[in-house]
Amino acid sequence: MYKSKNFLKNIFKYLIFILIFFIPLLSRMRIEYSGGLIIGFSLIIYLLCFFKLIKINTDEIFLISFVIFYFISAFLSKEREISFVWSGYILSWAAFYYFGKKIKDDRKIVSNILILSLIFVLSYCFWQFFIIFPATREYFAKHTEIAGNFSSNVYSSIRLYGTFLYPNSLAAYFILISGVMWSSIFNKNKIYKVRIVILTIIWLIISFFIWQTGSRVGIIIWLVEVLFIIIILFKSSKKISLIIFTTTFIGILISTVYLKLNQNENIETILERKISTNTTISAKLLTYLGSLKIIKNHPIVGCGPGNFSHYYAQYRPEKQRDLPHSAHNIFLDIAANAGIISLIFFLLFIIFSLKNTIKNPLIFVSLFMLLLHSCADWNFKNIGIALLFFFLLGLYRDEETKHIIKVRFSKILSIVLIILVIISIYFQVRSGIAGMYFQKAEEEFYFNNRQKAVVYFETAINFNPYRAEYYIKAAFAQSTLRNTKDYFKKALEYAPDWNEPYYHLARISLLENNIEEAKYYIKEALQLFPSSEKIILLNDSLSNLQ
């Protein structure tokens, strides 16, 4: 019996090791698409290794309450499908926090795995920056007939993003991993000299590549973090502090010189982007203002997890031109999506859990700096950043000797969590499989392979018939106006507060010369997105018609 339990424990541990290694490498997978498969797999492990809650710590009470309120918000949402997918993702935060707590005796092994994973991420950055980017520029220089969004997207991607979706996310990853790197050089007050050499080389590469991300906030926060790391290590080893300072300086210097020598290659850098800083700050302040309007109008349960962009259109400030998918602030995001109560429990959890990592100052600094960076960016919408953050929070959390809460109804709480995990696995796996077909459909449609695109869209809808976005995109691939209209109506059925279906139905009604119907749809669209230029223009055109 003991051998069997020990075997299962080891299996559990090895599965976590595998997850932790691959999470940063699979961070380009979006949560609502193929990323759902990774989240679903994580939750299956969480379910198989579920624990009995006899007594739990204060931070765990807050985390569980946060998750439960997120699911309540999802249940009350008008777009429950996407809301349950995002709530399942939030539940995976709790799963990774639990994983970290359960294998905290293997911190050294975990740090080695994370550094190995970092090496793979940096290898991909090398390949991307020195091979893919030059080849891409050369290809488009030879094929000038290729124009439009595709070529502009390629040029905008010159900012390094590595295995992540966005350059800012790569910078956030470097912020998060820095403390783990330098805390691994110690073993019972002894310093690994060979490891210092390896980490110095890795640090030089990070110092070079973080500059290439062009992430202004990310670079500034990383430099502040480096300063804190140098100060913390100065007491134990002045030599290591000097190595970090020198390596950081050399890496940034080489990166800056490289950028200056390659100015003619249209590389968007931190140096060139400083001109638009005021514009960016203004745009983010407008986004914060719009987010606060959502919170004001939906204070208790929010607009529903994953529905931010659909609701934001109603409250977007008139001066703002873009339509963000996030508040670009983790705390505003939570409050806007799931309400103020969820935010309060999240804040309490962060305060109690972060406080318990302070005995390891390097880890504390990295976690705190990532939270600071997340006040100006959407890091927690990236699988690799969020799951790694909560894993490290659990891994380096010291056990509380106080604040232990005995839960009389622990069995009921356990059953509730198990039900939520099972629900989440179902939604994540279904969303992940459907999302893979949907992304393939978009790719085929992009390259004008409409017949193949229609087949993939239909397959995605068969797997997940409740996602409004699938119907919207599939509508554009239809060969008849009638089919297109039917798909937009289906989208409207599953997303009644989204302006896009109303707008497109108004256009179709106008083409059919059904003016009254067109006016009805455009009126609804205007209520949901009053500052939209295209909706206002169509509304003005319809108003002038007799």
Protein backbone atom coordinates (compact mmCIF):
# COMPACT_ATOMS: atom_id res chain seq x y z
CA MET A 1 0.00 0.00 0.00
CA TYR A 2 2.83 2.37 0.90
CA LYS A 3 4.68 1.53 -2.34
CA SER A 4 1.52 2.19 -4.33
CA LYS A 5 1.03 5.61 -2.71
CA ASN A 6 4.70 6.47 -3.24
CA PHE A 7 4.47 5.44 -6.91
CA LEU A 8 1.40 7.65 -7.46
CA LYS A 9 3.12 10.51 -5.69
CA ASN A 10 6.12 10.22 -8.01
CA ILE A 11 3.88 10.05 -11.09
CA PHE A 12 2.13 13.21 -9.91
CA LYS A 13 5.49 14.90 -9.38
CA TYR A 14 6.87 13.94 -12.81
CA LEU A 15 3.72 15.16 -14.56
CA ILE A 16 4.13 18.54 -12.85
CA PHE A 17 7.80 18.65 -13.91
CA ILE A 18 6.73 18.06 -17.53
CA LEU A 19 4.06 20.77 -17.33
CA ILE A 20 6.43 23.31 -15.81
CA PHE A 21 9.03 22.64 -18.51
CA PHE A 22 6.62 23.02 -21.43
CA ILE A 23 4.38 25.85 -20.17
CA PRO A 24 6.74 28.70 -21.30
CA LEU A 25 7.34 26.90 -24.61
CA LEU A 26 3.59 26.63 -25.37
CA SER A 27 2.66 30.16 -24.38
CA ARG A 28 1.58 31.14 -27.89
CA MET A 29 -1.47 28.93 -27.43
CA ARG A 30 -4.48 31.15 -26.70
CA ILE A 31 -6.68 30.28 -23.72
CA GLU A 32 -9.98 30.21 -25.60
CA TYR A 33 -8.52 28.14 -28.45
CA SER A 34 -5.87 25.38 -28.38
CA GLY A 35 -4.61 26.58 -25.00
CA GLY A 36 -7.73 25.02 -23.51
CA LEU A 37 -6.17 21.59 -24.03
CA ILE A 38 -3.17 22.49 -21.84
CA ILE A 39 -5.44 23.94 -19.15
CA GLY A 40 -7.74 20.90 -19.36
CA PHE A 41 -4.76 18.53 -18.97
CA SER A 42 -3.58 20.51 -15.91
CA LEU A 43 -7.04 20.30 -14.33
CA ILE A 44 -7.20 16.54 -14.96
CA ILE A 45 -3.97 16.17 -12.94
CA TYR A 46 -5.47 18.43 -10.29
CA LEU A 47 -8.58 16.23 -10.15
CA LEU A 48 -6.66 12.95 -9.95
CA CYS A 49 -4.51 14.23 -7.11
CA PHE A 50 -7.32 16.04 -5.29
CA PHE A 51 -6.85 16.56 -1.59
CA LYS A 52 -9.25 16.34 1.35
CA LEU A 53 -9.69 19.70 3.01
CA ILE A 54 -9.43 19.03 6.76
CA LYS A 55 -7.88 22.39 7.55
CA ILE A 56 -6.73 25.01 5.14
CA ASN A 57 -4.64 28.15 5.32
CA THR A 58 -5.99 31.66 5.16
CA ASP A 59 -4.62 32.33 1.68
CA GLU A 60 -6.27 29.15 0.39
CA ILE A 61 -9.64 30.26 1.78
CA PHE A 62 -9.29 33.50 -0.16
CA LEU A 63 -8.15 31.72 -3.34
CA ILE A 64 -11.05 29.23 -3.23
CA SER A 65 -13.53 32.05 -2.58
CA PHE A 66 -12.06 33.99 -5.52
CA VAL A 67 -12.51 30.97 -7.83
CA ILE A 68 -16.09 30.30 -6.63
CA PHE A 69 -17.15 33.92 -7.21
CA TYR A 70 -15.61 33.78 -10.67
CA PHE A 71 -17.81 30.78 -11.49
CA ILE A 72 -20.87 32.56 -10.07
CA SER A 73 -20.11 35.43 -12.43
CA ALA A 74 -19.78 32.96 -15.33
CA PHE A 75 -23.12 31.35 -14.48
CA LEU A 76 -24.86 34.75 -14.48
CA SER A 77 -23.17 35.85 -17.70
CA LYS A 78 -25.16 36.22 -20.92
CA GLU A 79 -22.30 34.51 -22.79
CA ARG A 80 -21.82 31.51 -20.50
CA GLU A 81 -19.78 29.45 -22.95
CA ILE A 82 -16.77 31.77 -23.08
CA SER A 83 -17.26 32.72 -19.42
CA PHE A 84 -16.94 29.10 -18.24
CA VAL A 85 -13.82 28.68 -20.40
CA TRP A 86 -12.17 31.67 -18.71
CA SER A 87 -13.38 30.58 -15.26
CA GLY A 88 -11.73 27.20 -15.87
CA TYR A 89 -8.52 29.07 -16.67
CA ILE A 90 -8.84 30.92 -13.33
CA LEU A 91 -9.29 27.55 -11.60
CA SER A 92 -6.02 26.40 -13.19
CA TRP A 93 -4.32 29.23 -11.26
CA ALA A 94 -5.42 27.51 -8.05
CA ALA A 95 -4.27 24.15 -9.48
CA PHE A 96 -0.75 25.42 -10.15
CA TYR A 97 -0.60 27.08 -6.74
CA TYR A 98 -1.46 23.68 -5.27
CA PHE A 99 1.16 21.96 -7.49
CA GLY A 100 3.84 24.34 -6.22
CA LYS A 101 2.92 23.69 -2.57
CA LYS A 102 2.97 19.92 -3.00
CA ILE A 103 6.47 19.70 -4.52
CA LYS A 104 8.21 22.43 -2.52
CA ASP A 105 10.71 19.84 -1.24
CA ASP A 106 12.02 19.60 -4.82
CA ARG A 107 12.79 23.28 -5.30
CA LYS A 108 16.31 22.60 -6.61
CA ILE A 109 15.02 20.16 -9.22
CA VAL A 110 12.30 22.63 -10.23
CA SER A 111 14.78 25.50 -10.57
CA ASN A 112 16.92 23.32 -12.86
CA ILE A 113 13.87 22.46 -14.97
CA LEU A 114 12.90 26.14 -15.23
CA ILE A 115 16.42 27.13 -16.26
CA LEU A 116 16.47 24.35 -18.86
CA SER A 117 13.12 25.60 -20.17
CA LEU A 118 14.56 29.14 -20.24
CA ILE A 119 17.46 27.90 -22.37
CA PHE A 120 14.97 26.48 -24.90
CA VAL A 121 13.05 29.80 -24.93
CA LEU A 122 16.29 31.71 -25.56
CA SER A 123 17.27 29.23 -28.31
CA TYR A 124 13.98 29.94 -30.03
CA CYS A 125 14.63 33.68 -29.65
CA PHE A 126 18.01 33.21 -31.35
CA TRP A 127 16.39 31.32 -34.22
CA GLN A 128 13.60 33.87 -34.53
CA PHE A 129 15.77 36.99 -34.33
CA PHE A 130 18.81 35.96 -36.39
CA ILE A 131 17.21 33.60 -38.93
CA ILE A 132 13.43 34.06 -39.24
CA PHE A 133 13.28 37.87 -39.11
CA PRO A 134 16.07 38.47 -41.70
CA ALA A 135 14.59 35.79 -43.99
CA THR A 136 11.14 37.38 -43.68
CA ARG A 137 12.43 40.84 -44.55
CA GLU A 138 14.35 39.45 -47.48
CA TYR A 139 11.28 37.57 -48.76
CA PHE A 140 9.04 40.64 -48.70
CA ALA A 141 11.76 42.74 -50.31
CA LYS A 142 11.73 40.32 -53.26
CA HIS A 143 7.93 39.95 -53.36
CA THR A 144 6.74 43.54 -53.29
CA GLU A 145 3.44 42.48 -54.87
CA ILE A 146 2.40 41.01 -51.50
CA ALA A 147 0.80 43.87 -49.61
CA GLY A 148 -1.95 44.52 -47.12
CA ASN A 149 -2.34 43.30 -43.57
CA PHE A 150 -0.09 40.28 -43.97
CA SER A 151 3.06 42.22 -44.80
CA SER A 152 2.32 44.91 -42.19
CA ASN A 153 1.85 42.21 -39.55
CA VAL A 154 5.21 40.72 -40.44
CA TYR A 155 6.95 44.06 -40.06
CA SER A 156 5.22 44.78 -36.74
CA SER A 157 6.43 41.40 -35.45
CA ILE A 158 10.07 42.54 -35.76
CA ARG A 159 9.86 43.20 -32.03
CA LEU A 160 11.05 39.96 -30.47
CA TYR A 161 8.35 37.80 -28.88
CA GLY A 162 9.99 34.35 -28.72
CA THR A 163 7.65 31.52 -27.69
CA PHE A 164 5.03 34.02 -26.48
CA LEU A 165 2.20 35.78 -28.31
CA TYR A 166 3.49 39.30 -27.65
CA PRO A 167 6.85 41.02 -27.03
CA ASN A 168 5.56 42.40 -23.71
CA SER A 169 4.86 38.84 -22.54
CA LEU A 170 8.44 37.78 -23.28
CA ALA A 171 9.67 40.73 -21.18
CA ALA A 172 7.30 39.66 -18.38
CA TYR A 173 8.72 36.12 -18.54
CA PHE A 174 12.25 37.46 -18.13
CA ILE A 175 11.05 39.49 -15.10
CA LEU A 176 9.50 36.38 -13.53
CA ILE A 177 12.41 34.01 -14.17
CA SER A 178 15.22 36.36 -13.04
CA GLY A 179 14.76 35.73 -9.31
CA VAL A 180 14.53 31.96 -9.84
CA MET A 181 17.80 32.02 -11.77
CA TRP A 182 19.91 33.79 -9.18
CA SER A 183 18.32 32.10 -6.15
CA SER A 184 19.45 28.74 -7.59
CA ILE A 185 23.16 29.50 -7.10
CA PHE A 186 22.95 28.87 -3.37
CA ASN A 187 22.89 25.49 -1.62
CA LYS A 188 22.95 25.76 2.19
CA ASN A 189 24.94 29.00 2.00
CA LYS A 190 27.37 27.44 -0.50
CA ILE A 191 27.69 28.91 -4.00
CA TYR A 192 27.82 26.77 -7.15
CA LYS A 193 30.72 28.22 -9.16
CA VAL A 194 29.99 26.26 -12.35
CA ARG A 195 26.38 27.37 -12.21
CA ILE A 196 27.49 31.01 -11.92
CA VAL A 197 29.36 30.72 -15.23
CA ILE A 198 26.32 29.19 -16.96
CA LEU A 199 23.93 31.74 -15.49
CA THR A 200 26.24 34.62 -16.45
CA ILE A 201 26.07 33.55 -20.11
CA ILE A 202 22.28 33.14 -19.89
CA TRP A 203 21.98 36.56 -18.21
CA LEU A 204 24.01 38.21 -20.97
CA ILE A 205 21.63 36.75 -23.57
CA ILE A 206 18.56 37.89 -21.58
CA SER A 207 20.04 41.40 -21.29
CA PHE A 208 20.43 41.46 -25.07
CA PHE A 209 17.01 40.06 -25.95
CA ILE A 210 14.85 42.00 -23.48
CA TRP A 211 15.95 45.20 -25.22
CA GLN A 212 14.80 43.69 -28.53
CA THR A 213 11.25 43.23 -27.20
CA GLY A 214 10.77 47.00 -27.27
CA SER A 215 8.59 46.69 -24.15
CA ARG A 216 9.01 50.05 -22.46
CA VAL A 217 7.31 49.23 -19.15
CA GLY A 218 8.79 45.72 -19.15
CA ILE A 219 12.36 46.96 -19.62
CA ILE A 220 12.04 49.66 -16.95
CA ILE A 221 10.60 47.23 -14.38
CA TRP A 222 13.23 44.60 -15.26
CA LEU A 223 16.02 47.16 -14.71
CA VAL A 224 14.53 48.06 -11.31
CA GLU A 225 14.35 44.34 -10.50
CA VAL A 226 18.02 43.92 -11.50
CA LEU A 227 18.92 46.74 -9.10
CA PHE A 228 17.09 44.99 -6.24
CA ILE A 229 18.75 41.65 -7.10
CA ILE A 230 22.19 43.31 -6.99
CA ILE A 231 21.40 44.89 -3.59
CA ILE A 232 20.05 41.63 -2.15
CA LEU A 233 23.06 39.59 -3.31
CA PHE A 234 25.57 42.25 -2.29
CA LYS A 235 25.58 41.07 1.36
CA SER A 236 26.25 37.43 0.53
CA SER A 237 28.52 37.90 -2.49
CA LYS A 238 29.82 41.20 -3.82
CA LYS A 239 31.43 39.29 -6.67
CA ILE A 240 28.07 37.97 -7.97
CA SER A 241 26.51 41.43 -7.66
CA LEU A 242 29.35 42.86 -9.75
CA ILE A 243 28.95 40.07 -12.33
CA ILE A 244 25.22 40.81 -12.67
CA PHE A 245 25.80 44.55 -13.00
CA THR A 246 28.59 44.14 -15.57
CA THR A 247 26.76 41.50 -17.61
CA THR A 248 23.56 43.58 -17.70
CA PHE A 249 25.49 46.63 -18.91
CA ILE A 250 27.37 44.68 -21.60
CA GLY A 251 24.21 42.93 -22.83
CA ILE A 252 22.28 46.21 -23.18
CA LEU A 253 25.28 47.90 -24.81
CA ILE A 254 25.66 45.15 -27.42
CA SER A 255 21.91 45.20 -28.08
CA THR A 256 21.89 49.00 -28.52
CA VAL A 257 24.90 48.93 -30.88
CA TYR A 258 23.26 46.13 -32.90
CA LEU A 259 20.09 48.21 -33.27
CA LYS A 260 22.03 51.27 -34.36
CA LEU A 261 23.92 49.27 -36.99
CA ASN A 262 20.68 47.82 -38.37
CA GLN A 263 18.48 50.92 -38.42
CA ASN A 264 17.78 50.48 -42.12
CA GLU A 265 15.97 47.17 -41.44
CA ASN A 266 12.84 48.83 -40.01
CA ILE A 267 13.36 47.46 -36.51
CA GLU A 268 10.99 49.06 -34.03
CA THR A 269 13.01 49.57 -30.88
CA ILE A 270 12.64 50.99 -27.42
CA LEU A 271 14.71 53.97 -28.60
CA GLU A 272 12.40 54.72 -31.54
CA ARG A 273 9.21 54.02 -29.59
CA LYS A 274 9.91 56.59 -26.87
CA ILE A 275 8.38 59.28 -29.11
CA SER A 276 4.93 57.69 -28.79
CA THR A 277 5.12 57.20 -25.02
CA ASN A 278 2.70 60.03 -24.25
CA THR A 279 0.19 58.60 -26.73
CA THR A 280 0.48 55.13 -25.19
CA ILE A 281 0.03 56.44 -21.64
CA SER A 282 -3.01 58.43 -22.77
CA ALA A 283 -4.51 55.31 -24.46
CA LYS A 284 -4.01 53.20 -21.33
CA LEU A 285 -5.53 55.86 -19.09
CA LEU A 286 -8.56 55.91 -21.38
CA THR A 287 -8.74 52.10 -21.13
CA TYR A 288 -8.62 52.34 -17.33
CA LEU A 289 -11.42 54.92 -17.46
CA GLY A 290 -13.58 52.66 -19.67
CA SER A 291 -12.88 49.70 -17.36
CA LEU A 292 -13.97 51.71 -14.33
CA LYS A 293 -17.24 52.49 -16.13
CA ILE A 294 -17.84 48.74 -16.59
CA ILE A 295 -17.15 48.18 -12.88
CA LYS A 296 -19.48 51.04 -11.94
CA ASN A 297 -22.33 49.54 -14.00
CA HIS A 298 -21.60 45.88 -13.10
CA PRO A 299 -20.11 46.08 -9.58
CA ILE A 300 -21.17 42.74 -8.07
CA VAL A 301 -20.53 40.06 -10.72
CA GLY A 302 -18.91 42.08 -13.49
CA CYS A 303 -19.71 41.76 -17.19
CA GLY A 304 -18.82 38.04 -17.20
CA PRO A 305 -15.40 36.37 -17.60
CA GLY A 306 -14.11 36.70 -21.17
CA ASN A 307 -16.74 39.29 -22.17
CA PHE A 308 -14.65 42.41 -21.56
CA SER A 309 -14.29 43.55 -25.19
CA HIS A 310 -18.00 43.03 -25.95
CA TYR A 311 -19.06 45.19 -23.00
CA TYR A 312 -16.21 47.69 -23.23
CA ALA A 313 -17.65 49.02 -26.50
CA GLN A 314 -20.62 50.44 -24.55
CA TYR A 315 -18.38 52.40 -22.19
CA ARG A 316 -15.42 53.30 -24.40
CA PRO A 317 -14.42 56.98 -23.96
CA GLU A 318 -15.11 59.10 -27.04
CA LYS A 319 -11.46 60.06 -27.46
CA GLN A 320 -10.32 56.42 -27.63
CA ARG A 321 -9.96 54.89 -31.09
CA ASP A 322 -9.00 51.28 -30.33
CA LEU A 323 -11.15 48.58 -28.72
CA PRO A 324 -9.00 46.73 -26.15
CA HIS A 325 -9.63 43.11 -25.18
CA SER A 326 -8.35 43.73 -21.66
CA ALA A 327 -8.12 46.50 -19.07
CA HIS A 328 -4.31 46.17 -19.26
CA ASN A 329 -4.37 45.93 -15.48
CA ILE A 330 -4.86 42.63 -13.63
CA PHE A 331 -6.90 44.19 -10.82
CA LEU A 332 -9.22 46.20 -13.09
CA ASP A 333 -9.54 43.13 -15.30
CA ILE A 334 -10.77 40.95 -12.45
CA ALA A 335 -13.21 43.59 -11.17
CA ALA A 336 -14.58 44.30 -14.67
CA ASN A 337 -14.98 40.62 -15.57
CA ALA A 338 -16.12 39.11 -12.25
CA GLY A 339 -16.99 41.98 -9.91
CA ILE A 340 -15.56 43.77 -6.91
CA ILE A 341 -16.10 40.83 -4.51
CA SER A 342 -13.86 38.64 -6.67
CA LEU A 343 -11.23 41.39 -6.70
CA ILE A 344 -11.31 41.68 -2.88
CA PHE A 345 -10.71 37.93 -2.44
CA PHE A 346 -7.92 38.02 -5.04
CA LEU A 347 -6.20 40.93 -3.29
CA LEU A 348 -6.43 39.18 0.09
CA PHE A 349 -4.98 36.01 -1.43
CA ILE A 350 -2.09 37.91 -3.04
CA ILE A 351 -1.29 39.80 0.17
CA PHE A 352 -1.25 36.67 2.38
CA SER A 353 0.56 34.39 -0.09
CA LEU A 354 3.14 36.98 -1.22
CA LYS A 355 3.90 37.78 2.42
CA ASN A 356 4.82 34.12 2.93
CA THR A 357 7.53 34.25 0.21
CA ILE A 358 9.42 37.17 1.76
CA LYS A 359 11.99 34.84 3.40
CA ASN A 360 13.27 34.24 -0.15
CA PRO A 361 13.80 37.89 -1.19
CA LEU A 362 14.88 37.13 -4.78
CA ILE A 363 11.65 35.24 -5.47
CA PHE A 364 9.60 37.88 -3.66
CA VAL A 365 11.11 40.64 -5.82
CA SER A 366 10.38 38.75 -9.06
CA LEU A 367 6.78 38.01 -8.09
CA PHE A 368 6.18 41.56 -6.89
CA MET A 369 7.74 43.08 -10.03
CA LEU A 370 5.56 40.91 -12.25
CA LEU A 371 2.47 42.12 -10.39
CA LEU A 372 3.72 45.68 -10.87
CA HIS A 373 4.20 45.05 -14.60
CA SER A 374 0.70 43.54 -14.71
CA CYS A 375 -0.73 46.87 -13.59
CA ALA A 376 0.12 48.16 -17.07
CA ASP A 377 -0.21 45.02 -19.20
CA TRP A 378 -2.27 41.84 -19.60
CA ASN A 379 0.32 39.30 -18.45
CA PHE A 380 -2.20 37.07 -16.68
CA LYS A 381 -3.99 36.38 -19.96
CA ASN A 382 -0.88 34.53 -21.08
CA ILE A 383 -0.71 30.85 -20.06
CA GLY A 384 3.04 30.78 -19.51
CA ILE A 385 3.11 33.88 -17.30
CA ALA A 386 0.05 33.30 -15.11
CA LEU A 387 0.51 29.58 -14.43
CA LEU A 388 4.22 29.99 -13.71
CA PHE A 389 3.49 32.90 -11.37
CA PHE A 390 1.03 30.89 -9.25
CA PHE A 391 3.29 27.84 -9.30
CA LEU A 392 6.22 29.86 -7.95
CA LEU A 393 3.93 31.50 -5.41
CA GLY A 394 3.04 28.04 -4.05
CA LEU A 395 6.54 26.60 -4.43
CA TYR A 396 8.30 29.28 -2.39
CA ARG A 397 5.52 29.87 0.11
CA ASP A 398 6.60 29.11 3.67
CA GLU A 399 4.08 27.12 5.71
CA GLU A 400 2.00 29.24 8.04
CA THR A 401 2.19 28.44 11.72
CA LYS A 402 -0.67 30.85 12.35
CA HIS A 403 -3.82 31.73 10.48
CA ILE A 404 -4.85 28.07 10.05
CA ILE A 405 -8.61 27.89 9.63
CA LYS A 406 -10.44 24.69 10.51
CA VAL A 407 -13.26 24.14 8.09
CA ARG A 408 -16.25 22.28 9.52
CA PHE A 409 -17.80 21.87 6.11
CA SER A 410 -14.62 20.82 4.37
CA LYS A 411 -16.30 17.87 2.61
CA ILE A 412 -18.91 20.15 1.06
CA LEU A 413 -16.19 22.55 -0.05
CA SER A 414 -14.24 19.63 -1.53
CA ILE A 415 -17.28 18.45 -3.46
CA VAL A 416 -17.91 21.98 -4.79
CA LEU A 417 -14.31 22.25 -6.02
CA ILE A 418 -14.43 18.79 -7.62
CA ILE A 419 -17.63 19.75 -9.48
CA LEU A 420 -16.02 22.99 -10.68
CA VAL A 421 -12.93 21.10 -11.88
CA ILE A 422 -15.07 18.58 -13.82
CA ILE A 423 -17.12 21.40 -15.40
CA SER A 424 -13.91 23.24 -16.31
CA ILE A 425 -12.30 20.17 -17.89
CA TYR A 426 -15.38 19.70 -20.09
CA PHE A 427 -15.42 23.32 -21.27
CA GLN A 428 -11.63 23.54 -21.71
CA VAL A 429 -11.28 20.36 -23.75
CA ARG A 430 -14.30 21.18 -25.94
CA SER A 431 -13.09 24.74 -26.43
CA GLY A 432 -9.55 23.54 -27.15
CA ILE A 433 -10.56 21.04 -29.84
CA ALA A 434 -13.05 23.43 -31.48
CA GLY A 435 -10.50 26.25 -31.25
CA MET A 436 -7.92 24.26 -33.20
CA TYR A 437 -10.39 23.79 -36.09
CA PHE A 438 -11.45 27.44 -35.84
CA GLN A 439 -7.85 28.66 -36.13
CA LYS A 440 -7.30 26.37 -39.10
CA ALA A 441 -10.47 27.77 -40.70
CA GLU A 442 -9.22 31.33 -40.22
CA GLU A 443 -5.91 30.40 -41.82
CA GLU A 444 -7.62 28.87 -44.87
CA PHE A 445 -9.96 31.85 -45.18
CA TYR A 446 -7.02 34.24 -44.92
CA PHE A 447 -5.40 32.60 -47.94
CA ASN A 448 -8.72 32.67 -49.82
CA ASN A 449 -9.39 28.90 -49.58
CA ARG A 450 -13.07 29.45 -48.85
CA GLN A 451 -14.30 25.89 -49.35
CA LYS A 452 -11.79 24.46 -46.91
CA ALA A 453 -12.47 27.33 -44.52
CA VAL A 454 -16.21 26.55 -44.50
CA VAL A 455 -15.51 22.88 -43.70
CA TYR A 456 -13.26 23.79 -40.77
CA PHE A 457 -15.71 26.43 -39.50
CA GLU A 458 -18.51 23.86 -39.54
CA THR A 459 -16.34 21.33 -37.69
CA ALA A 460 -15.49 23.94 -35.04
CA ILE A 461 -19.19 24.81 -34.64
CA ASN A 462 -20.13 21.12 -34.36
CA PHE A 463 -17.67 20.72 -31.49
CA ASN A 464 -18.74 23.99 -29.84
CA PRO A 465 -22.06 25.36 -31.14
CA TYR A 466 -22.36 28.08 -28.47
CA ARG A 467 -19.45 30.37 -29.39
CA ALA A 468 -20.71 33.55 -31.10
CA GLU A 469 -17.28 34.34 -32.53
CA TYR A 470 -17.34 31.15 -34.63
CA TYR A 471 -20.60 32.19 -36.33
CA ILE A 472 -19.34 35.73 -36.97
CA LYS A 473 -16.20 34.53 -38.75
CA ALA A 474 -18.00 31.68 -40.53
CA ALA A 475 -20.58 34.16 -41.88
CA PHE A 476 -17.93 35.88 -44.01
CA ALA A 477 -17.00 32.57 -45.66
CA GLN A 478 -20.55 31.82 -46.87
CA SER A 479 -21.40 31.92 -50.56
CA THR A 480 -24.95 33.29 -50.23
CA LEU A 481 -26.33 36.34 -48.49
CA ARG A 482 -29.07 34.26 -46.86
CA ASN A 483 -26.57 31.90 -45.21
CA THR A 484 -24.47 34.85 -44.09
CA LYS A 485 -27.51 36.44 -42.45
CA ASP A 486 -28.43 33.18 -40.69
CA TYR A 487 -24.94 32.92 -39.20
CA PHE A 488 -25.06 36.49 -37.91
CA LYS A 489 -28.44 35.79 -36.31
CA LYS A 490 -26.95 32.71 -34.62
CA ALA A 491 -24.11 34.85 -33.28
CA LEU A 492 -26.69 37.28 -31.94
CA GLU A 493 -28.46 34.44 -30.16
CA TYR A 494 -25.33 33.53 -28.17
CA ALA A 495 -23.94 37.07 -27.72
CA PRO A 496 -26.92 39.45 -27.33
CA ASP A 497 -24.75 42.30 -25.97
CA TRP A 498 -22.17 42.24 -28.78
CA ASN A 499 -22.51 45.04 -31.35
CA GLU A 500 -20.87 43.17 -34.27
CA PRO A 501 -23.84 40.91 -35.23
CA TYR A 502 -26.26 43.87 -35.13
CA TYR A 503 -23.98 45.98 -37.33
CA HIS A 504 -23.54 43.30 -40.00
CA LEU A 505 -27.24 42.41 -39.97
CA ALA A 506 -28.02 46.10 -40.55
CA ARG A 507 -25.75 46.10 -43.60
CA ILE A 508 -27.36 42.95 -44.99
CA SER A 509 -30.87 44.35 -44.41
CA LEU A 510 -29.84 47.49 -46.29
CA LEU A 511 -28.63 45.34 -49.21
CA GLU A 512 -32.00 43.58 -49.16
CA ASN A 513 -33.67 47.02 -49.23
CA ASN A 514 -35.36 46.28 -45.90
CA ILE A 515 -34.89 49.75 -44.45
CA GLU A 516 -36.99 49.30 -41.32
CA GLU A 517 -35.16 46.16 -40.30
CA ALA A 518 -31.82 47.82 -41.03
CA LYS A 519 -32.78 50.77 -38.81
CA TYR A 520 -33.72 48.41 -35.98
CA TYR A 521 -30.38 46.58 -36.12
CA ILE A 522 -28.29 49.75 -36.40
CA LYS A 523 -30.17 51.31 -33.47
CA GLU A 524 -29.29 48.28 -31.32
CA ALA A 525 -25.67 48.38 -32.52
CA LEU A 526 -25.41 52.08 -31.68
CA GLN A 527 -26.65 51.46 -28.14
CA LEU A 528 -23.99 48.79 -27.64
CA PHE A 529 -21.19 50.79 -29.26
CA PRO A 530 -22.14 54.51 -29.26
CA SER A 531 -18.65 55.78 -30.18
CA SER A 532 -18.09 53.49 -33.20
CA GLU A 533 -17.34 55.54 -36.31
CA LYS A 534 -18.55 52.86 -38.73
CA ILE A 535 -21.83 52.36 -36.86
CA ILE A 536 -22.44 56.13 -36.64
CA LEU A 537 -21.72 56.47 -40.37
CA LEU A 538 -24.18 53.69 -41.28
CA ASN A 539 -26.78 55.13 -38.91
CA ASP A 540 -26.45 58.58 -40.54
CA SER A 541 -26.83 57.02 -43.99
CA LEU A 542 -29.99 55.17 -42.93
CA SER A 543 -31.43 58.31 -41.33
CA ASN A 544 -31.15 60.12 -44.66
CA LEU A 545 -33.09 57.41 -46.46
CA GLN A 546 -36.82 57.91 -46.97
